[in-house]
Amino acid sequence: MAGKIIIDAERCKGCGLCVAVCPKNGIIISKTSNKNGYFPAEHVPSGVEGSDNSECTGCAMCAIVCPEAIIKVLQEDSGKVEIIIEPGEGSKPKQIEEKK
């Protein structure tokens, strides 16, 4: 599953936790500061030296570990799983089925 991350650079304090947990080495600390004087984390495009040369997997480890909760993770659906029941008030838990 391919993913994409969006980091709010103006709110990032550059702690580096997301850099440490990214399995693809796809996040670095920027060389330019934000308006608050911090050097924020930024996504490294694939193909840049030092990255794994593969796309973000959408694992969301960076978002989970971020103390400021400023990383948004988007995941691309492969089209192989379809939600067949949506949860609602008083309904059963969501069920999924593989498409045929």
PDB file of N, CA and C in Angstrom:
ATOM      1  N   MET A   1       0.858  -1.172   0.000  1.00  0.00           N
ATOM      2  CA  MET A   1       0.000   0.000   0.000  1.00  0.00           C
ATOM      3  C   MET A   1       0.900   1.230   0.000  1.00  0.00           C
ATOM      4  N   ALA A   2       0.687   2.090  -0.935  1.00  0.00           N
ATOM      5  CA  ALA A   2       1.469   3.324  -1.016  1.00  0.00           C
ATOM      6  C   ALA A   2       0.873   4.365  -0.080  1.00  0.00           C
ATOM      7  N   GLY A   3       1.737   5.222   0.403  1.00  0.00           N
ATOM      8  CA  GLY A   3       1.286   6.263   1.302  1.00  0.00           C
ATOM      9  C   GLY A   3       1.943   7.584   0.993  1.00  0.00           C
ATOM     10  N   LYS A   4       1.509   8.602   1.709  1.00  0.00           N
ATOM     11  CA  LYS A   4       2.058   9.940   1.577  1.00  0.00           C
ATOM     12  C   LYS A   4       1.907  10.610   2.930  1.00  0.00           C
ATOM     13  N   ILE A   5       2.914  11.398   3.323  1.00  0.00           N
ATOM     14  CA  ILE A   5       2.793  12.116   4.577  1.00  0.00           C
ATOM     15  C   ILE A   5       2.799  13.614   4.315  1.00  0.00           C
ATOM     16  N   ILE A   6       2.103  14.327   5.175  1.00  0.00           N
ATOM     17  CA  ILE A   6       2.073  15.784   5.132  1.00  0.00           C
ATOM     18  C   ILE A   6       2.450  16.259   6.528  1.00  0.00           C
ATOM     19  N   ILE A   7       3.539  17.033   6.604  1.00  0.00           N
ATOM     20  CA  ILE A   7       4.027  17.538   7.882  1.00  0.00           C
ATOM     21  C   ILE A   7       3.752  19.033   7.950  1.00  0.00           C
ATOM     22  N   ASP A   8       3.112  19.484   9.013  1.00  0.00           N
ATOM     23  CA  ASP A   8       2.871  20.912   9.215  1.00  0.00           C
ATOM     24  C   ASP A   8       4.179  21.531   9.705  1.00  0.00           C
ATOM     25  N   ALA A   9       4.983  22.019   8.772  1.00  0.00           N
ATOM     26  CA  ALA A   9       6.332  22.515   9.071  1.00  0.00           C
ATOM     27  C   ALA A   9       6.338  23.693  10.033  1.00  0.00           C
ATOM     28  N   GLU A  10       5.308  24.506  10.024  1.00  0.00           N
ATOM     29  CA  GLU A  10       5.269  25.670  10.915  1.00  0.00           C
ATOM     30  C   GLU A  10       5.014  25.278  12.370  1.00  0.00           C
ATOM     31  N   ARG A  11       4.433  24.118  12.602  1.00  0.00           N
ATOM     32  CA  ARG A  11       4.171  23.660  13.972  1.00  0.00           C
ATOM     33  C   ARG A  11       5.192  22.639  14.457  1.00  0.00           C
ATOM     34  N   CYS A  12       6.012  22.118  13.547  1.00  0.00           N
ATOM     35  CA  CYS A  12       7.008  21.098  13.892  1.00  0.00           C
ATOM     36  C   CYS A  12       8.155  21.716  14.680  1.00  0.00           C
ATOM     37  N   LYS A  13       8.594  21.023  15.746  1.00  0.00           N
ATOM     38  CA  LYS A  13       9.701  21.499  16.574  1.00  0.00           C
ATOM     39  C   LYS A  13      11.005  20.768  16.272  1.00  0.00           C
ATOM     40  N   GLY A  14      10.978  19.881  15.274  1.00  0.00           N
ATOM     41  CA  GLY A  14      12.201  19.212  14.841  1.00  0.00           C
ATOM     42  C   GLY A  14      12.799  18.261  15.853  1.00  0.00           C
ATOM     43  N   CYS A  15      11.980  17.564  16.615  1.00  0.00           N
ATOM     44  CA  CYS A  15      12.496  16.659  17.647  1.00  0.00           C
ATOM     45  C   CYS A  15      13.222  15.454  17.048  1.00  0.00           C
ATOM     46  N   GLY A  16      12.860  15.063  15.826  1.00  0.00           N
ATOM     47  CA  GLY A  16      13.537  13.969  15.145  1.00  0.00           C
ATOM     48  C   GLY A  16      12.995  12.584  15.424  1.00  0.00           C
ATOM     49  N   LEU A  17      11.937  12.474  16.211  1.00  0.00           N
ATOM     50  CA  LEU A  17      11.381  11.155  16.500  1.00  0.00           C
ATOM     51  C   LEU A  17      10.854  10.471  15.237  1.00  0.00           C
ATOM     52  N   CYS A  18      10.222  11.237  14.365  1.00  0.00           N
ATOM     53  CA  CYS A  18       9.698  10.667  13.119  1.00  0.00           C
ATOM     54  C   CYS A  18      10.838  10.183  12.223  1.00  0.00           C
ATOM     55  N   VAL A  19      11.945  10.901  12.233  1.00  0.00           N
ATOM     56  CA  VAL A  19      13.121  10.519  11.451  1.00  0.00           C
ATOM     57  C   VAL A  19      13.628   9.160  11.930  1.00  0.00           C
ATOM     58  N   ALA A  20      13.651   8.983  13.244  1.00  0.00           N
ATOM     59  CA  ALA A  20      14.178   7.758  13.833  1.00  0.00           C
ATOM     60  C   ALA A  20      13.321   6.532  13.550  1.00  0.00           C
ATOM     61  N   VAL A  21      11.999   6.694  13.451  1.00  0.00           N
ATOM     62  CA  VAL A  21      11.126   5.525  13.295  1.00  0.00           C
ATOM     63  C   VAL A  21      10.759   5.199  11.857  1.00  0.00           C
ATOM     64  N   CYS A  22      11.050   6.055  10.911  1.00  0.00           N
ATOM     65  CA  CYS A  22      10.655   5.807   9.519  1.00  0.00           C
ATOM     66  C   CYS A  22      11.439   4.613   8.955  1.00  0.00           C
ATOM     67  N   PRO A  23      10.740   3.529   8.576  1.00  0.00           N
ATOM     68  CA  PRO A  23      11.438   2.341   8.079  1.00  0.00           C
ATOM     69  C   PRO A  23      12.074   2.543   6.706  1.00  0.00           C
ATOM     70  N   LYS A  24      11.663   3.565   5.975  1.00  0.00           N
ATOM     71  CA  LYS A  24      12.196   3.827   4.638  1.00  0.00           C
ATOM     72  C   LYS A  24      13.192   4.976   4.617  1.00  0.00           C
ATOM     73  N   ASN A  25      13.549   5.511   5.784  1.00  0.00           N
ATOM     74  CA  ASN A  25      14.442   6.677   5.872  1.00  0.00           C
ATOM     75  C   ASN A  25      13.939   7.805   4.975  1.00  0.00           C
ATOM     76  N   GLY A  26      12.641   8.005   4.999  1.00  0.00           N
ATOM     77  CA  GLY A  26      12.012   8.977   4.117  1.00  0.00           C
ATOM     78  C   GLY A  26      11.741  10.329   4.744  1.00  0.00           C
ATOM     79  N   ILE A  27      12.251  10.571   5.951  1.00  0.00           N
ATOM     80  CA  ILE A  27      12.036  11.850   6.624  1.00  0.00           C
ATOM     81  C   ILE A  27      13.393  12.367   7.099  1.00  0.00           C
ATOM     82  N   ILE A  28      13.632  13.651   6.901  1.00  0.00           N
ATOM     83  CA  ILE A  28      14.869  14.281   7.363  1.00  0.00           C
ATOM     84  C   ILE A  28      14.521  15.568   8.104  1.00  0.00           C
ATOM     85  N   ILE A  29      15.503  16.143   8.778  1.00  0.00           N
ATOM     86  CA  ILE A  29      15.339  17.448   9.401  1.00  0.00           C
ATOM     87  C   ILE A  29      15.772  18.493   8.378  1.00  0.00           C
ATOM     88  N   SER A  30      14.938  19.483   8.178  1.00  0.00           N
ATOM     89  CA  SER A  30      15.191  20.527   7.184  1.00  0.00           C
ATOM     90  C   SER A  30      16.408  21.368   7.548  1.00  0.00           C
ATOM     91  N   LYS A  31      17.044  21.933   6.544  1.00  0.00           N
ATOM     92  CA  LYS A  31      18.193  22.826   6.772  1.00  0.00           C
ATOM     93  C   LYS A  31      17.747  24.272   6.947  1.00  0.00           C
ATOM     94  N   THR A  32      16.450  24.531   6.726  1.00  0.00           N
ATOM     95  CA  THR A  32      15.921  25.885   6.925  1.00  0.00           C
ATOM     96  C   THR A  32      14.917  25.863   8.074  1.00  0.00           C
ATOM     97  N   SER A  33      14.916  26.915   8.846  1.00  0.00           N
ATOM     98  CA  SER A  33      14.037  26.964  10.015  1.00  0.00           C
ATOM     99  C   SER A  33      12.645  27.472   9.648  1.00  0.00           C
ATOM    100  N   ASN A  34      11.696  27.178  10.517  1.00  0.00           N
ATOM    101  CA  ASN A  34      10.338  27.699  10.341  1.00  0.00           C
ATOM    102  C   ASN A  34      10.240  29.055  11.044  1.00  0.00           C
ATOM    103  N   LYS A  35       9.060  29.640  11.076  1.00  0.00           N
ATOM    104  CA  LYS A  35       8.915  30.986  11.654  1.00  0.00           C
ATOM    105  C   LYS A  35       9.182  31.034  13.158  1.00  0.00           C
ATOM    106  N   ASN A  36       9.151  29.884  13.818  1.00  0.00           N
ATOM    107  CA  ASN A  36       9.418  29.823  15.256  1.00  0.00           C
ATOM    108  C   ASN A  36      10.883  29.546  15.572  1.00  0.00           C
ATOM    109  N   GLY A  37      11.698  29.367  14.532  1.00  0.00           N
ATOM    110  CA  GLY A  37      13.121  29.125  14.732  1.00  0.00           C
ATOM    111  C   GLY A  37      13.511  27.663  14.854  1.00  0.00           C
ATOM    112  N   TYR A  38      12.544  26.755  14.698  1.00  0.00           N
ATOM    113  CA  TYR A  38      12.838  25.323  14.744  1.00  0.00           C
ATOM    114  C   TYR A  38      13.178  24.827  13.339  1.00  0.00           C
ATOM    115  N   PHE A  39      13.942  23.752  13.263  1.00  0.00           N
ATOM    116  CA  PHE A  39      14.249  23.106  11.999  1.00  0.00           C
ATOM    117  C   PHE A  39      13.313  21.899  11.876  1.00  0.00           C
ATOM    118  N   PRO A  40      12.253  22.038  11.085  1.00  0.00           N
ATOM    119  CA  PRO A  40      11.214  21.004  11.044  1.00  0.00           C
ATOM    120  C   PRO A  40      11.618  19.771  10.243  1.00  0.00           C
ATOM    121  N   ALA A  41      10.882  18.712  10.473  1.00  0.00           N
ATOM    122  CA  ALA A  41      11.048  17.494   9.685  1.00  0.00           C
ATOM    123  C   ALA A  41      10.407  17.717   8.324  1.00  0.00           C
ATOM    124  N   GLU A  42      10.929  17.023   7.324  1.00  0.00           N
ATOM    125  CA  GLU A  42      10.331  17.087   5.994  1.00  0.00           C
ATOM    126  C   GLU A  42      10.477  15.744   5.303  1.00  0.00           C
ATOM    127  N   HIS A  43       9.540  15.462   4.411  1.00  0.00           N
ATOM    128  CA  HIS A  43       9.540  14.219   3.645  1.00  0.00           C
ATOM    129  C   HIS A  43      10.619  14.276   2.575  1.00  0.00           C
ATOM    130  N   VAL A  44      11.357  13.195   2.418  1.00  0.00           N
ATOM    131  CA  VAL A  44      12.380  13.095   1.381  1.00  0.00           C
ATOM    132  C   VAL A  44      11.752  12.393   0.181  1.00  0.00           C
ATOM    133  N   PRO A  45      11.735  13.036  -0.973  1.00  0.00           N
ATOM    134  CA  PRO A  45      11.193  12.357  -2.158  1.00  0.00           C
ATOM    135  C   PRO A  45      12.017  11.111  -2.490  1.00  0.00           C
ATOM    136  N   SER A  46      11.390  10.089  -3.050  1.00  0.00           N
ATOM    137  CA  SER A  46      12.131   8.874  -3.401  1.00  0.00           C
ATOM    138  C   SER A  46      13.203   9.202  -4.428  1.00  0.00           C
ATOM    139  N   GLY A  47      14.295   8.488  -4.349  1.00  0.00           N
ATOM    140  CA  GLY A  47      15.401   8.712  -5.270  1.00  0.00           C
ATOM    141  C   GLY A  47      16.465   9.638  -4.729  1.00  0.00           C
ATOM    142  N   VAL A  48      16.222  10.278  -3.592  1.00  0.00           N
ATOM    143  CA  VAL A  48      17.206  11.177  -2.987  1.00  0.00           C
ATOM    144  C   VAL A  48      18.199  10.330  -2.196  1.00  0.00           C
ATOM    145  N   GLU A  49      19.463  10.680  -2.269  1.00  0.00           N
ATOM    146  CA  GLU A  49      20.506   9.926  -1.579  1.00  0.00           C
ATOM    147  C   GLU A  49      20.202   9.835  -0.084  1.00  0.00           C
ATOM    148  N   GLY A  50      20.316   8.611   0.454  1.00  0.00           N
ATOM    149  CA  GLY A  50      20.065   8.382   1.868  1.00  0.00           C
ATOM    150  C   GLY A  50      18.691   7.799   2.141  1.00  0.00           C
ATOM    151  N   SER A  51      17.758   7.967   1.203  1.00  0.00           N
ATOM    152  CA  SER A  51      16.442   7.360   1.407  1.00  0.00           C
ATOM    153  C   SER A  51      16.472   5.951   0.823  1.00  0.00           C
ATOM    154  N   ASP A  52      15.427   5.195   1.100  1.00  0.00           N
ATOM    155  CA  ASP A  52      15.362   3.800   0.674  1.00  0.00           C
ATOM    156  C   ASP A  52      15.012   3.670  -0.809  1.00  0.00           C
ATOM    157  N   ASN A  53      14.834   4.781  -1.490  1.00  0.00           N
ATOM    158  CA  ASN A  53      14.468   4.814  -2.909  1.00  0.00           C
ATOM    159  C   ASN A  53      13.127   4.141  -3.189  1.00  0.00           C
ATOM    160  N   SER A  54      12.288   4.037  -2.209  1.00  0.00           N
ATOM    161  CA  SER A  54      10.960   3.507  -2.429  1.00  0.00           C
ATOM    162  C   SER A  54       9.951   4.434  -1.767  1.00  0.00           C
ATOM    163  N   GLU A  55       8.746   4.333  -2.214  1.00  0.00           N
ATOM    164  CA  GLU A  55       7.687   5.218  -1.744  1.00  0.00           C
ATOM    165  C   GLU A  55       7.351   4.975  -0.272  1.00  0.00           C
ATOM    166  N   CYS A  56       6.734   5.961   0.320  1.00  0.00           N
ATOM    167  CA  CYS A  56       6.202   5.840   1.679  1.00  0.00           C
ATOM    168  C   CYS A  56       5.200   4.689   1.692  1.00  0.00           C
ATOM    169  N   THR A  57       5.258   3.863   2.705  1.00  0.00           N
ATOM    170  CA  THR A  57       4.342   2.725   2.792  1.00  0.00           C
ATOM    171  C   THR A  57       3.024   3.087   3.470  1.00  0.00           C
ATOM    172  N   GLY A  58       2.978   4.238   4.120  1.00  0.00           N
ATOM    173  CA  GLY A  58       1.770   4.624   4.844  1.00  0.00           C
ATOM    174  C   GLY A  58       1.635   3.905   6.168  1.00  0.00           C
ATOM    175  N   CYS A  59       2.763   3.472   6.748  1.00  0.00           N
ATOM    176  CA  CYS A  59       2.729   2.716   8.007  1.00  0.00           C
ATOM    177  C   CYS A  59       2.259   3.561   9.190  1.00  0.00           C
ATOM    178  N   ALA A  60       2.395   4.877   9.086  1.00  0.00           N
ATOM    179  CA  ALA A  60       1.943   5.838  10.098  1.00  0.00           C
ATOM    180  C   ALA A  60       2.763   5.836  11.387  1.00  0.00           C
ATOM    181  N   MET A  61       3.930   5.208  11.380  1.00  0.00           N
ATOM    182  CA  MET A  61       4.776   5.220  12.570  1.00  0.00           C
ATOM    183  C   MET A  61       5.177   6.650  12.924  1.00  0.00           C
ATOM    184  N   CYS A  62       5.437   7.473  11.917  1.00  0.00           N
ATOM    185  CA  CYS A  62       5.828   8.865  12.162  1.00  0.00           C
ATOM    186  C   CYS A  62       4.707   9.631  12.865  1.00  0.00           C
ATOM    187  N   ALA A  63       3.488   9.429  12.422  1.00  0.00           N
ATOM    188  CA  ALA A  63       2.346  10.125  13.011  1.00  0.00           C
ATOM    189  C   ALA A  63       2.072   9.641  14.435  1.00  0.00           C
ATOM    190  N   ILE A  64       2.284   8.360  14.671  1.00  0.00           N
ATOM    191  CA  ILE A  64       2.047   7.793  15.996  1.00  0.00           C
ATOM    192  C   ILE A  64       3.036   8.357  17.014  1.00  0.00           C
ATOM    193  N   VAL A  65       4.291   8.494  16.612  1.00  0.00           N
ATOM    194  CA  VAL A  65       5.334   8.915  17.544  1.00  0.00           C
ATOM    195  C   VAL A  65       5.420  10.441  17.697  1.00  0.00           C
ATOM    196  N   CYS A  66       4.809  11.200  16.814  1.00  0.00           N
ATOM    197  CA  CYS A  66       4.910  12.661  16.837  1.00  0.00           C
ATOM    198  C   CYS A  66       4.234  13.258  18.078  1.00  0.00           C
ATOM    199  N   PRO A  67       4.999  13.910  18.960  1.00  0.00           N
ATOM    200  CA  PRO A  67       4.416  14.476  20.172  1.00  0.00           C
ATOM    201  C   PRO A  67       3.513  15.681  19.908  1.00  0.00           C
ATOM    202  N   GLU A  68       3.670  16.330  18.775  1.00  0.00           N
ATOM    203  CA  GLU A  68       2.850  17.490  18.430  1.00  0.00           C
ATOM    204  C   GLU A  68       1.622  17.111  17.606  1.00  0.00           C
ATOM    205  N   ALA A  69       1.529  15.865  17.165  1.00  0.00           N
ATOM    206  CA  ALA A  69       0.422  15.364  16.337  1.00  0.00           C
ATOM    207  C   ALA A  69       0.211  16.234  15.104  1.00  0.00           C
ATOM    208  N   ILE A  70       1.285  16.486  14.362  1.00  0.00           N
ATOM    209  CA  ILE A  70       1.207  17.376  13.205  1.00  0.00           C
ATOM    210  C   ILE A  70       1.508  16.662  11.890  1.00  0.00           C
ATOM    211  N   ILE A  71       1.598  15.332  11.914  1.00  0.00           N
ATOM    212  CA  ILE A  71       1.865  14.570  10.697  1.00  0.00           C
ATOM    213  C   ILE A  71       0.587  13.869  10.269  1.00  0.00           C
ATOM    214  N   LYS A  72       0.200  14.112   9.032  1.00  0.00           N
ATOM    215  CA  LYS A  72      -0.987  13.492   8.458  1.00  0.00           C
ATOM    216  C   LYS A  72      -0.524  12.412   7.491  1.00  0.00           C
ATOM    217  N   VAL A  73      -1.085  11.230   7.599  1.00  0.00           N
ATOM    218  CA  VAL A  73      -0.710  10.111   6.731  1.00  0.00           C
ATOM    219  C   VAL A  73      -1.892   9.782   5.828  1.00  0.00           C
ATOM    220  N   LEU A  74      -1.616   9.732   4.531  1.00  0.00           N
ATOM    221  CA  LEU A  74      -2.621   9.360   3.548  1.00  0.00           C
ATOM    222  C   LEU A  74      -2.242   8.010   2.968  1.00  0.00           C
ATOM    223  N   GLN A  75      -3.194   7.116   2.843  1.00  0.00           N
ATOM    224  CA  GLN A  75      -2.926   5.794   2.292  1.00  0.00           C
ATOM    225  C   GLN A  75      -3.732   5.592   1.026  1.00  0.00           C
ATOM    226  N   GLU A  76      -3.064   5.027   0.027  1.00  0.00           N
ATOM    227  CA  GLU A  76      -3.722   4.741  -1.245  1.00  0.00           C
ATOM    228  C   GLU A  76      -4.288   3.336  -1.180  1.00  0.00           C
ATOM    229  N   ASP A  77      -5.572   3.211  -1.423  1.00  0.00           N
ATOM    230  CA  ASP A  77      -6.234   1.914  -1.397  1.00  0.00           C
ATOM    231  C   ASP A  77      -5.868   1.139  -2.655  1.00  0.00           C
ATOM    232  N   SER A  78      -5.498  -0.103  -2.492  1.00  0.00           N
ATOM    233  CA  SER A  78      -5.107  -0.933  -3.632  1.00  0.00           C
ATOM    234  C   SER A  78      -6.317  -1.423  -4.423  1.00  0.00           C
ATOM    235  N   GLY A  79      -7.500  -1.264  -3.878  1.00  0.00           N
ATOM    236  CA  GLY A  79      -8.699  -1.703  -4.578  1.00  0.00           C
ATOM    237  C   GLY A  79      -9.044  -3.155  -4.340  1.00  0.00           C
ATOM    238  N   LYS A  80      -8.336  -3.834  -3.464  1.00  0.00           N
ATOM    239  CA  LYS A  80      -8.586  -5.247  -3.225  1.00  0.00           C
ATOM    240  C   LYS A  80      -9.503  -5.500  -2.036  1.00  0.00           C
ATOM    241  N   VAL A  81      -9.728  -4.476  -1.218  1.00  0.00           N
ATOM    242  CA  VAL A  81     -10.590  -4.641  -0.057  1.00  0.00           C
ATOM    243  C   VAL A  81     -11.722  -3.630  -0.151  1.00  0.00           C
ATOM    244  N   GLU A  82     -12.908  -4.095   0.082  1.00  0.00           N
ATOM    245  CA  GLU A  82     -14.078  -3.227   0.003  1.00  0.00           C
ATOM    246  C   GLU A  82     -14.813  -3.271   1.338  1.00  0.00           C
ATOM    247  N   ILE A  83     -15.167  -2.111   1.862  1.00  0.00           N
ATOM    248  CA  ILE A  83     -15.947  -2.057   3.095  1.00  0.00           C
ATOM    249  C   ILE A  83     -17.390  -2.341   2.726  1.00  0.00           C
ATOM    250  N   ILE A  84     -17.962  -3.330   3.366  1.00  0.00           N
ATOM    251  CA  ILE A  84     -19.334  -3.686   3.010  1.00  0.00           C
ATOM    252  C   ILE A  84     -20.349  -3.259   4.060  1.00  0.00           C
ATOM    253  N   ILE A  85     -19.896  -2.984   5.267  1.00  0.00           N
ATOM    254  CA  ILE A  85     -20.790  -2.488   6.314  1.00  0.00           C
ATOM    255  C   ILE A  85     -20.097  -1.331   7.010  1.00  0.00           C
ATOM    256  N   GLU A  86     -20.735  -0.185   7.059  1.00  0.00           N
ATOM    257  CA  GLU A  86     -20.201   0.975   7.756  1.00  0.00           C
ATOM    258  C   GLU A  86     -20.753   0.983   9.173  1.00  0.00           C
ATOM    259  N   PRO A  87     -19.948   1.332  10.167  1.00  0.00           N
ATOM    260  CA  PRO A  87     -20.458   1.389  11.531  1.00  0.00           C
ATOM    261  C   PRO A  87     -21.399   2.575  11.710  1.00  0.00           C
ATOM    262  N   GLY A  88     -22.352   2.407  12.528  1.00  0.00           N
ATOM    263  CA  GLY A  88     -23.286   3.469  12.866  1.00  0.00           C
ATOM    264  C   GLY A  88     -23.702   3.271  14.313  1.00  0.00           C
ATOM    265  N   GLU A  89     -24.555   4.130  14.783  1.00  0.00           N
ATOM    266  CA  GLU A  89     -24.997   3.994  16.168  1.00  0.00           C
ATOM    267  C   GLU A  89     -25.763   2.693  16.340  1.00  0.00           C
ATOM    268  N   GLY A  90     -25.306   1.862  17.264  1.00  0.00           N
ATOM    269  CA  GLY A  90     -25.982   0.605  17.560  1.00  0.00           C
ATOM    270  C   GLY A  90     -25.769  -0.478  16.522  1.00  0.00           C
ATOM    271  N   SER A  91     -24.879  -0.288  15.552  1.00  0.00           N
ATOM    272  CA  SER A  91     -24.673  -1.304  14.524  1.00  0.00           C
ATOM    273  C   SER A  91     -23.539  -2.242  14.919  1.00  0.00           C
ATOM    274  N   LYS A  92     -23.396  -3.305  14.165  1.00  0.00           N
ATOM    275  CA  LYS A  92     -22.307  -4.251  14.371  1.00  0.00           C
ATOM    276  C   LYS A  92     -20.997  -3.608  13.930  1.00  0.00           C
ATOM    277  N   PRO A  93     -19.859  -4.138  14.387  1.00  0.00           N
ATOM    278  CA  PRO A  93     -18.567  -3.620  13.926  1.00  0.00           C
ATOM    279  C   PRO A  93     -18.431  -3.755  12.406  1.00  0.00           C
ATOM    280  N   LYS A  94     -17.596  -2.911  11.847  1.00  0.00           N
ATOM    281  CA  LYS A  94     -17.377  -2.903  10.404  1.00  0.00           C
ATOM    282  C   LYS A  94     -16.789  -4.228   9.946  1.00  0.00           C
ATOM    283  N   GLN A  95     -17.298  -4.750   8.838  1.00  0.00           N
ATOM    284  CA  GLN A  95     -16.783  -5.982   8.268  1.00  0.00           C
ATOM    285  C   GLN A  95     -16.205  -5.676   6.898  1.00  0.00           C
ATOM    286  N   ILE A  96     -15.164  -6.405   6.520  1.00  0.00           N
ATOM    287  CA  ILE A  96     -14.568  -6.210   5.204  1.00  0.00           C
ATOM    288  C   ILE A  96     -14.523  -7.544   4.473  1.00  0.00           C
ATOM    289  N   GLU A  97     -14.515  -7.457   3.171  1.00  0.00           N
ATOM    290  CA  GLU A  97     -14.461  -8.634   2.317  1.00  0.00           C
ATOM    291  C   GLU A  97     -13.484  -8.356   1.196  1.00  0.00           C
ATOM    292  N   GLU A  98     -12.796  -9.381   0.736  1.00  0.00           N
ATOM    293  CA  GLU A  98     -11.900  -9.219  -0.400  1.00  0.00           C
ATOM    294  C   GLU A  98     -12.738  -9.216  -1.674  1.00  0.00           C
ATOM    295  N   LYS A  99     -12.418  -8.280  -2.570  1.00  0.00           N
ATOM    296  CA  LYS A  99     -13.121  -8.220  -3.852  1.00  0.00           C
ATOM    297  C   LYS A  99     -12.752  -9.415  -4.697  1.00  0.00           C
ATOM    298  N   LYS A 100     -13.680  -9.844  -5.510  1.00  0.00           N
ATOM    299  CA  LYS A 100     -13.435 -11.009  -6.377  1.00  0.00           C
ATOM    300  C   LYS A 100     -13.108 -10.577  -7.768  1.00  0.00           C
TER     301      LYS A 100
END
